[in-house]
């Protein structure tokens, strides 16, 4: 899973870890964008690769200022 890294979004992965981030006007909008883009990409990748993600190790964090 790869995604261009710039000042508004990006994604990195290493072995069994995946991190993605996005900036936007609200937590609700960011959640929607991540659900439609990042989660969909991860689900497609797991189907192709046979990898399994452990939901109990998944963390969703919002940073605000």
Protein backbone atom coordinates (compact mmCIF):
# COMPACT_ATOMS: atom_id res chain seq x y z
CA UNK A 1 0.00 0.00 0.00
CA UNK A 2 1.56 3.24 -1.02
CA UNK A 3 0.42 6.82 -0.98
CA UNK A 4 2.16 10.04 -1.89
CA UNK A 5 3.38 11.89 1.19
CA UNK A 6 2.81 15.63 1.23
CA UNK A 7 1.71 18.23 3.76
CA UNK A 8 -1.95 17.19 3.67
CA UNK A 9 -1.84 13.39 3.58
CA UNK A 10 0.31 10.32 3.30
CA UNK A 11 0.79 6.68 4.24
CA UNK A 12 3.70 4.50 5.28
CA UNK A 13 3.98 0.78 5.87
CA UNK A 14 6.63 -1.53 7.28
CA UNK A 15 6.31 -5.31 7.66
CA UNK A 16 3.18 -5.58 9.84
CA UNK A 17 2.50 -1.90 10.53
CA UNK A 18 0.59 0.69 8.52
CA UNK A 19 0.10 4.38 9.25
CA UNK A 20 -1.95 6.85 7.28
CA UNK A 21 -2.82 10.46 7.96
CA UNK A 22 -4.84 13.28 6.50
CA UNK A 23 -5.45 16.92 7.32
CA UNK A 24 -8.77 18.63 6.77
CA UNK A 25 -11.37 21.04 8.11
CA UNK A 26 -12.98 18.64 10.59
CA UNK A 27 -12.58 15.26 12.26
CA UNK A 28 -15.86 14.14 10.68
CA UNK A 29 -14.69 14.97 7.16
CA UNK A 30 -11.29 13.35 7.75
CA UNK A 31 -13.00 10.21 9.03
CA UNK A 32 -15.18 10.07 5.91
CA UNK A 33 -12.21 10.53 3.58
CA UNK A 34 -10.16 7.85 5.37
CA UNK A 35 -13.10 5.41 5.31
CA UNK A 36 -13.55 5.90 1.56
CA UNK A 37 -9.86 5.88 0.60
CA UNK A 38 -7.40 4.35 3.06
CA UNK A 39 -9.68 1.68 4.51
CA UNK A 40 -10.80 0.64 1.04
CA UNK A 41 -7.17 0.35 -0.15
CA UNK A 42 -6.21 -1.72 2.88
CA UNK A 43 -9.17 -4.05 2.39
CA UNK A 44 -8.29 -4.55 -1.29
CA UNK A 45 -4.66 -5.22 -0.42
CA UNK A 46 -5.57 -7.79 2.24
CA UNK A 47 -7.77 -9.67 -0.24
CA UNK A 48 -4.94 -9.75 -2.82
CA UNK A 49 -2.13 -10.59 -0.40
CA UNK A 50 -3.88 -12.81 2.13
CA UNK A 51 -2.65 -10.59 4.96
CA UNK A 52 -4.77 -10.28 8.08
CA UNK A 53 -5.13 -7.11 10.15
CA UNK A 54 -5.91 -7.45 13.84
CA UNK A 55 -8.73 -5.05 14.71
CA UNK A 56 -7.72 -4.96 18.39
CA UNK A 57 -4.35 -3.48 17.35
CA UNK A 58 -5.97 -0.74 15.28
CA UNK A 59 -5.98 2.80 16.65
CA UNK A 60 -7.75 5.84 15.22
CA UNK A 61 -6.47 9.17 16.57
CA UNK A 62 -7.62 12.73 15.85
CA UNK A 63 -5.21 15.60 16.51
CA UNK A 64 -6.70 19.09 16.65
CA UNK A 65 -5.45 22.54 17.33
